[in-house]
Amino acid sequence: MGVAEGGGDDGALLVLTAMMLTPARFPSVLGDDYVAACEALALAPCEEGYGLVLGQDSAGARWTVVVEDVSRVAAAVAAWDCGMRYDLSPDGDSVVSALPGWPLDLAVAAPGVPEPHDPETGDEGPAPLAPPRAGAWGAAHRRLGADEVAAQWSLWRERVEESEGAADDAPGETADSVETAGAAGPDTSAETADEVPGGPLAAPDPDAAAGGGSPVVRHLGIRRVLSEALAYTRTPPPPGRIRSSFASADVRTLRVDGPGWSMVARSDDIALVLLDEEPGEVLTVRRGPALPALLRALEELALPPA
């Protein structure tokens, strides 16, 4: 994050952070795909995308400024990620709109101005943007949870291993198959890994995941997710539903979203799934013989970050 220099003049924006809004990279809190994210901000989903600049005015009010200068926002984000200073004062010619509020909570505030607050926009103005309500669970919380899983993959992978170790004495689990239009989908085994932000603590329960002790996993939510993900390989979804990012040499992190679900996977490993109907839980899709083929097919469709 960085604060723009010279931001103390009336009408100036003290920049706190910025985000990309492109088909390949957008704040997941806004929607399952790029088109939905644009609609949440009343924007036309253009191919080039936008930059989102979050800051405060001289009165301390929160504003999200949408700009067309995507390359400059990308440069600022890259510089801040490296701990470098970058002055990102929005150019008036590049500004598309200024929306009251922030879509996410920020842990910082601009110095020398009042505490962050929503501006007075009047009855005719748009409602201020606001982060998802804490303590609840919904689509936005599910997507933010998937963001956390992707960012902390090693930690969540360790939790899965711990859960599997604790289940060594539980009834055996075998792969469940999904069939869509006559084609078999990935083999799956699902079990709760742990909690995610916004949901209650979910203790591992291998027996429940195995269908009450049945040797064949029949988790309907997992079956639905894999069926819909498989359908993406036949009919490509809206831009941004499938995203790919660097994990390590020859390994990608895949992020796939759909109505009511989010999946995070490593191209060489398992997949982890979050569902709207299972608050706070992270479900494991073991690799099996078919998951690798699905992940490869999804990766071919994925939009890499610009």
Protein backbone atom coordinates (compact mmCIF):
# COMPACT_ATOMS: atom_id res chain seq x y z
CA MET A 1 0.00 0.00 0.00
CA GLY A 2 1.08 3.56 -0.45
CA VAL A 3 -0.19 7.04 0.30
CA ALA A 4 -0.05 9.50 -2.57
CA GLU A 5 2.18 12.46 -1.96
CA GLY A 6 0.68 15.92 -2.07
CA GLY A 7 -2.78 14.61 -1.21
CA GLY A 8 -3.70 17.29 1.29
CA ASP A 9 -5.39 19.74 -1.09
CA ASP A 10 -9.17 20.04 -1.10
CA GLY A 11 -10.66 17.49 -3.48
CA ALA A 12 -7.46 15.44 -3.62
CA LEU A 13 -7.46 11.74 -2.82
CA LEU A 14 -5.06 10.34 -0.25
CA VAL A 15 -4.44 6.95 -1.83
CA LEU A 16 -4.25 3.98 0.53
CA THR A 17 -4.22 1.05 -1.87
CA ALA A 18 -5.23 0.02 -5.37
CA MET A 19 -6.50 -3.10 -7.08
CA MET A 20 -6.83 -4.42 -10.59
CA LEU A 21 -10.21 -5.00 -12.18
CA THR A 22 -9.48 -7.00 -15.33
CA PRO A 23 -10.78 -10.29 -16.76
CA ALA A 24 -7.84 -12.11 -15.20
CA ARG A 25 -7.49 -10.22 -11.94
CA PHE A 26 -10.25 -8.62 -9.89
CA PRO A 27 -11.39 -8.41 -6.26
CA SER A 28 -13.22 -11.68 -5.66
CA VAL A 29 -15.46 -9.98 -3.11
CA LEU A 30 -17.28 -8.28 -6.00
CA GLY A 31 -18.40 -11.39 -7.90
CA ASP A 32 -17.74 -14.87 -9.25
CA ASP A 33 -16.35 -13.49 -12.51
CA TYR A 34 -15.15 -10.29 -14.16
CA VAL A 35 -18.53 -9.42 -15.63
CA ALA A 36 -20.25 -9.74 -12.24
CA ALA A 37 -17.51 -7.68 -10.58
CA CYS A 38 -18.01 -4.89 -13.11
CA GLU A 39 -21.78 -5.00 -12.64
CA ALA A 40 -21.29 -4.59 -8.88
CA LEU A 41 -19.63 -1.24 -9.61
CA ALA A 42 -21.99 -0.23 -12.45
CA LEU A 43 -19.20 -0.54 -15.01
CA ALA A 44 -19.19 -1.88 -18.56
CA PRO A 45 -16.95 -4.99 -18.69
CA CYS A 46 -14.43 -3.75 -21.25
CA GLU A 47 -11.60 -6.03 -22.35
CA GLU A 48 -8.83 -3.72 -21.06
CA GLY A 49 -10.33 -3.54 -17.58
CA TYR A 50 -9.93 -0.86 -14.95
CA GLY A 51 -7.90 0.10 -11.93
CA LEU A 52 -9.53 0.66 -8.55
CA VAL A 53 -7.93 3.28 -6.31
CA LEU A 54 -9.06 3.32 -2.68
CA GLY A 55 -8.42 6.33 -0.51
CA GLN A 56 -9.77 9.19 1.59
CA ASP A 57 -10.50 12.79 0.74
CA SER A 58 -9.37 15.72 2.89
CA ALA A 59 -12.43 15.22 5.13
CA GLY A 60 -11.54 11.58 5.71
CA ALA A 61 -14.38 10.16 3.58
CA ARG A 62 -13.85 6.82 1.90
CA TRP A 63 -13.82 6.74 -1.90
CA THR A 64 -13.20 4.08 -4.55
CA VAL A 65 -12.03 5.77 -7.74
CA VAL A 66 -12.26 3.81 -11.00
CA VAL A 67 -9.57 4.69 -13.53
CA GLU A 68 -8.79 3.59 -17.07
CA ASP A 69 -5.00 3.71 -16.61
CA VAL A 70 -4.67 0.01 -15.85
CA SER A 71 -0.92 -0.14 -16.52
CA ARG A 72 -0.18 2.58 -13.98
CA VAL A 73 -2.27 0.88 -11.31
CA ALA A 74 -0.48 -2.40 -12.08
CA ALA A 75 2.88 -0.67 -11.68
CA ALA A 76 1.82 0.80 -8.34
CA VAL A 77 0.58 -2.54 -7.00
CA ALA A 78 3.81 -4.25 -8.09
CA ALA A 79 5.93 -1.54 -6.45
CA TRP A 80 4.00 -1.69 -3.17
CA ASP A 81 4.23 -5.49 -3.14
CA CYS A 82 8.01 -5.05 -3.27
CA GLY A 83 7.97 -2.51 -0.43
CA MET A 84 8.73 0.42 -2.73
CA ARG A 85 7.12 3.87 -2.78
CA TYR A 86 4.90 4.81 -5.68
CA ASP A 87 2.83 7.96 -6.05
CA LEU A 88 -0.50 6.96 -7.53
CA SER A 89 -2.41 10.21 -7.67
CA PRO A 90 -5.32 9.51 -10.06
CA ASP A 91 -5.16 11.53 -13.29
CA GLY A 92 -8.45 13.34 -13.83
CA ASP A 93 -8.47 12.40 -17.52
CA SER A 94 -8.30 8.72 -16.58
CA VAL A 95 -11.06 8.74 -13.96
CA VAL A 96 -14.19 6.83 -14.97
CA SER A 97 -16.16 7.25 -11.76
CA ALA A 98 -15.76 7.93 -8.04
CA LEU A 99 -17.84 5.63 -5.84
CA PRO A 100 -18.43 6.29 -2.14
CA GLY A 101 -17.13 3.72 0.32
CA TRP A 102 -14.74 0.80 0.00
CA PRO A 103 -15.62 -2.78 -1.01
CA LEU A 104 -13.09 -4.13 1.50
CA ASP A 105 -11.94 -3.28 4.99
CA LEU A 106 -8.55 -1.56 5.10
CA ALA A 107 -6.29 -1.77 8.12
CA VAL A 108 -4.73 1.64 7.41
CA ALA A 109 -5.96 5.22 7.21
CA ALA A 110 -4.54 8.37 5.69
CA PRO A 111 -2.51 10.52 8.09
CA GLY A 112 -3.66 13.98 9.06
CA VAL A 113 -7.35 13.56 8.18
CA PRO A 114 -10.39 12.41 10.19
CA GLU A 115 -11.10 8.71 10.71
CA PRO A 116 -12.43 6.87 7.62
CA HIS A 117 -16.16 7.30 7.16
CA ASP A 118 -18.67 7.12 4.34
CA PRO A 119 -19.32 10.44 2.57
CA GLU A 120 -22.71 12.09 2.47
CA THR A 121 -24.03 11.39 -1.02
CA GLY A 122 -27.67 12.41 -0.64
CA ASP A 123 -30.77 10.39 -1.41
CA GLU A 124 -30.04 10.25 -5.13
CA GLY A 125 -26.44 9.12 -4.87
CA PRO A 126 -25.35 5.47 -4.93
CA ALA A 127 -25.19 3.59 -1.66
CA PRO A 128 -21.63 3.49 -0.32
CA LEU A 129 -19.64 0.37 -1.07
CA ALA A 130 -19.10 -1.73 2.03
CA PRO A 131 -17.29 -4.95 2.91
CA PRO A 132 -19.33 -8.08 3.64
CA ARG A 133 -20.89 -8.10 7.09
CA ALA A 134 -18.63 -9.73 9.66
CA GLY A 135 -19.90 -12.87 11.34
CA ALA A 136 -22.14 -13.81 8.43
CA TRP A 137 -21.67 -16.27 5.58
CA GLY A 138 -22.59 -15.76 1.98
CA ALA A 139 -21.18 -15.71 -1.53
CA ALA A 140 -18.77 -12.86 -0.82
CA HIS A 141 -17.50 -14.55 2.36
CA ARG A 142 -17.06 -17.80 0.45
CA ARG A 143 -14.98 -16.06 -2.22
CA LEU A 144 -12.88 -14.25 0.39
CA GLY A 145 -12.35 -17.59 2.12
CA ALA A 146 -11.11 -19.05 -1.15
CA ASP A 147 -8.76 -16.07 -1.50
CA GLU A 148 -7.33 -16.94 1.91
CA VAL A 149 -6.93 -20.61 1.00
CA ALA A 150 -5.08 -19.66 -2.20
CA ALA A 151 -2.82 -17.20 -0.35
CA GLN A 152 -2.05 -19.68 2.45
CA TRP A 153 -1.98 -22.90 0.46
CA SER A 154 0.85 -24.53 2.41
CA LEU A 155 -0.94 -23.95 5.72
CA TRP A 156 -4.22 -25.39 4.45
CA ARG A 157 -2.40 -28.33 2.82
CA GLU A 158 -0.87 -29.16 6.20
CA ARG A 159 -4.30 -29.07 7.80
CA VAL A 160 -5.58 -31.53 5.21
CA GLU A 161 -2.68 -33.87 5.93
CA GLU A 162 -3.37 -33.64 9.66
CA SER A 163 -7.02 -34.44 9.06
CA GLU A 164 -6.15 -37.41 6.88
CA GLY A 165 -3.72 -38.65 9.50
CA ALA A 166 -6.43 -38.49 12.14
CA ALA A 167 -8.70 -40.47 9.83
CA ASP A 168 -6.37 -43.42 9.38
CA ASP A 169 -8.57 -45.58 11.58
CA ALA A 170 -11.81 -44.36 10.01
CA PRO A 171 -13.72 -46.36 7.38
CA GLY A 172 -11.94 -46.29 4.05
CA GLU A 173 -12.91 -43.71 1.47
CA THR A 174 -12.86 -44.36 -2.22
CA ALA A 175 -13.34 -42.05 -5.15
CA ASP A 176 -16.76 -40.89 -6.22
CA SER A 177 -17.38 -40.16 -9.89
CA VAL A 178 -19.36 -37.42 -11.55
CA GLU A 179 -20.95 -37.97 -14.92
CA THR A 180 -22.07 -35.14 -17.15
CA ALA A 181 -23.43 -35.75 -20.63
CA GLY A 182 -21.99 -39.24 -20.58
CA ALA A 183 -18.44 -38.19 -19.70
CA ALA A 184 -16.90 -39.18 -16.38
CA GLY A 185 -15.64 -36.39 -14.18
CA PRO A 186 -12.94 -36.40 -11.51
CA ASP A 187 -12.74 -38.95 -8.75
CA THR A 188 -13.38 -37.26 -5.44
CA SER A 189 -13.15 -37.69 -1.73
CA ALA A 190 -14.41 -34.86 0.42
CA GLU A 191 -13.73 -34.03 4.04
CA THR A 192 -13.77 -30.88 6.10
CA ALA A 193 -10.34 -29.34 6.50
CA ASP A 194 -10.93 -26.38 8.85
CA GLU A 195 -12.65 -23.04 9.14
CA VAL A 196 -12.32 -19.98 6.96
CA PRO A 197 -12.97 -16.35 7.87
CA GLY A 198 -16.64 -15.62 8.44
CA GLY A 199 -17.61 -19.18 9.37
CA PRO A 200 -17.65 -21.31 12.51
CA LEU A 201 -14.85 -23.68 13.43
CA ALA A 202 -15.39 -26.88 11.49
CA ALA A 203 -13.69 -29.93 12.98
CA PRO A 204 -12.62 -32.69 10.60
CA ASP A 205 -15.27 -35.38 10.29
CA PRO A 206 -14.08 -38.13 7.94
CA ASP A 207 -17.05 -40.39 8.75
CA ALA A 208 -19.55 -37.71 7.74
CA ALA A 209 -17.54 -36.96 4.63
CA ALA A 210 -17.57 -40.64 3.76
CA GLY A 211 -21.35 -40.70 3.80
CA GLY A 212 -21.91 -42.09 7.28
CA GLY A 213 -19.26 -44.77 6.96
CA SER A 214 -20.00 -45.76 3.39
CA PRO A 215 -16.85 -46.62 1.42
CA VAL A 216 -18.04 -44.38 -1.44
CA VAL A 217 -18.12 -40.63 -0.89
CA ARG A 218 -21.42 -39.14 -1.96
CA HIS A 219 -21.02 -35.49 -1.11
CA LEU A 220 -23.62 -33.82 -3.31
CA GLY A 221 -21.96 -30.42 -3.09
CA ILE A 222 -18.63 -31.76 -4.31
CA ARG A 223 -20.35 -33.69 -7.10
CA ARG A 224 -22.11 -30.50 -8.22
CA VAL A 225 -18.90 -28.47 -8.18
CA LEU A 226 -16.98 -30.99 -10.25
CA SER A 227 -19.85 -31.45 -12.67
CA GLU A 228 -20.08 -27.70 -13.26
CA ALA A 229 -16.30 -27.35 -13.51
CA LEU A 230 -16.28 -30.14 -16.08
CA ALA A 231 -19.01 -28.33 -18.02
CA TYR A 232 -16.71 -25.30 -18.21
CA THR A 233 -14.32 -27.36 -20.35
CA ARG A 234 -17.11 -27.84 -22.91
CA THR A 235 -18.76 -24.42 -22.75
CA PRO A 236 -16.32 -21.75 -21.53
CA PRO A 237 -17.79 -19.63 -18.72
CA PRO A 238 -17.69 -15.81 -18.44
CA PRO A 239 -14.20 -14.29 -18.18
CA GLY A 240 -12.68 -14.60 -14.74
CA ARG A 241 -14.52 -17.75 -13.65
CA ILE A 242 -11.24 -19.61 -14.20
CA ARG A 243 -7.99 -17.91 -13.20
CA SER A 244 -4.42 -19.12 -13.04
CA SER A 245 -1.46 -17.74 -11.12
CA PHE A 246 2.16 -18.73 -10.51
CA ALA A 247 2.77 -21.11 -7.61
CA SER A 248 6.25 -22.48 -8.26
CA ALA A 249 8.30 -23.83 -11.13
CA ASP A 250 5.89 -25.61 -13.51
CA VAL A 251 3.07 -25.42 -10.95
CA ARG A 252 0.04 -23.15 -11.14
CA THR A 253 -2.59 -22.19 -8.63
CA LEU A 254 -6.03 -22.49 -10.19
CA ARG A 255 -9.04 -20.56 -8.95
CA VAL A 256 -12.42 -21.62 -10.29
CA ASP A 257 -15.74 -20.11 -9.21
CA GLY A 258 -19.36 -20.87 -9.93
CA PRO A 259 -22.83 -20.27 -8.54
CA GLY A 260 -22.54 -21.06 -4.85
CA TRP A 261 -19.01 -22.51 -4.92
CA SER A 262 -15.31 -21.73 -5.18
CA MET A 263 -12.46 -24.14 -5.87
CA VAL A 264 -8.75 -23.61 -5.30
CA ALA A 265 -6.29 -26.17 -6.65
CA ARG A 266 -2.65 -26.69 -7.41
CA SER A 267 -2.00 -28.14 -10.84
CA ASP A 268 0.15 -30.89 -9.29
CA ASP A 269 -1.93 -31.52 -6.18
CA ILE A 270 -5.42 -31.68 -4.68
CA ALA A 271 -8.30 -29.22 -4.83
CA LEU A 272 -10.07 -27.45 -1.96
CA VAL A 273 -13.69 -26.39 -2.24
CA LEU A 274 -15.90 -23.91 -0.38
CA LEU A 275 -19.68 -23.92 -0.64
CA ASP A 276 -22.32 -21.34 0.16
CA GLU A 277 -24.39 -24.01 1.89
CA GLU A 278 -21.57 -25.15 4.20
CA PRO A 279 -20.47 -22.03 6.15
CA GLY A 280 -16.83 -21.86 7.06
CA GLU A 281 -15.92 -25.32 5.79
CA VAL A 282 -13.17 -26.26 3.36
CA LEU A 283 -13.70 -29.58 1.59
CA THR A 284 -10.94 -31.68 0.07
CA VAL A 285 -11.03 -33.17 -3.41
CA ARG A 286 -8.31 -35.79 -3.45
CA ARG A 287 -6.24 -36.13 -6.57
CA GLY A 288 -7.32 -39.58 -7.72
CA PRO A 289 -6.93 -40.65 -11.37
CA ALA A 290 -9.26 -38.08 -12.98
CA LEU A 291 -8.70 -34.79 -11.15
CA PRO A 292 -5.37 -34.10 -12.91
CA ALA A 293 -7.07 -34.23 -16.33
CA LEU A 294 -9.76 -31.80 -15.20
CA LEU A 295 -7.19 -29.38 -13.77
CA ARG A 296 -5.19 -29.50 -17.00
CA ALA A 297 -8.30 -28.75 -19.04
CA LEU A 298 -9.24 -25.87 -16.75
CA GLU A 299 -5.71 -24.48 -16.85
CA GLU A 300 -5.89 -24.33 -20.64
CA LEU A 301 -8.96 -22.12 -20.30
CA ALA A 302 -7.61 -20.00 -17.46
CA LEU A 303 -6.73 -16.36 -17.87
CA PRO A 304 -3.22 -15.70 -16.52
CA PRO A 305 -2.61 -12.42 -14.68
CA ALA A 306 -1.71 -9.54 -16.98
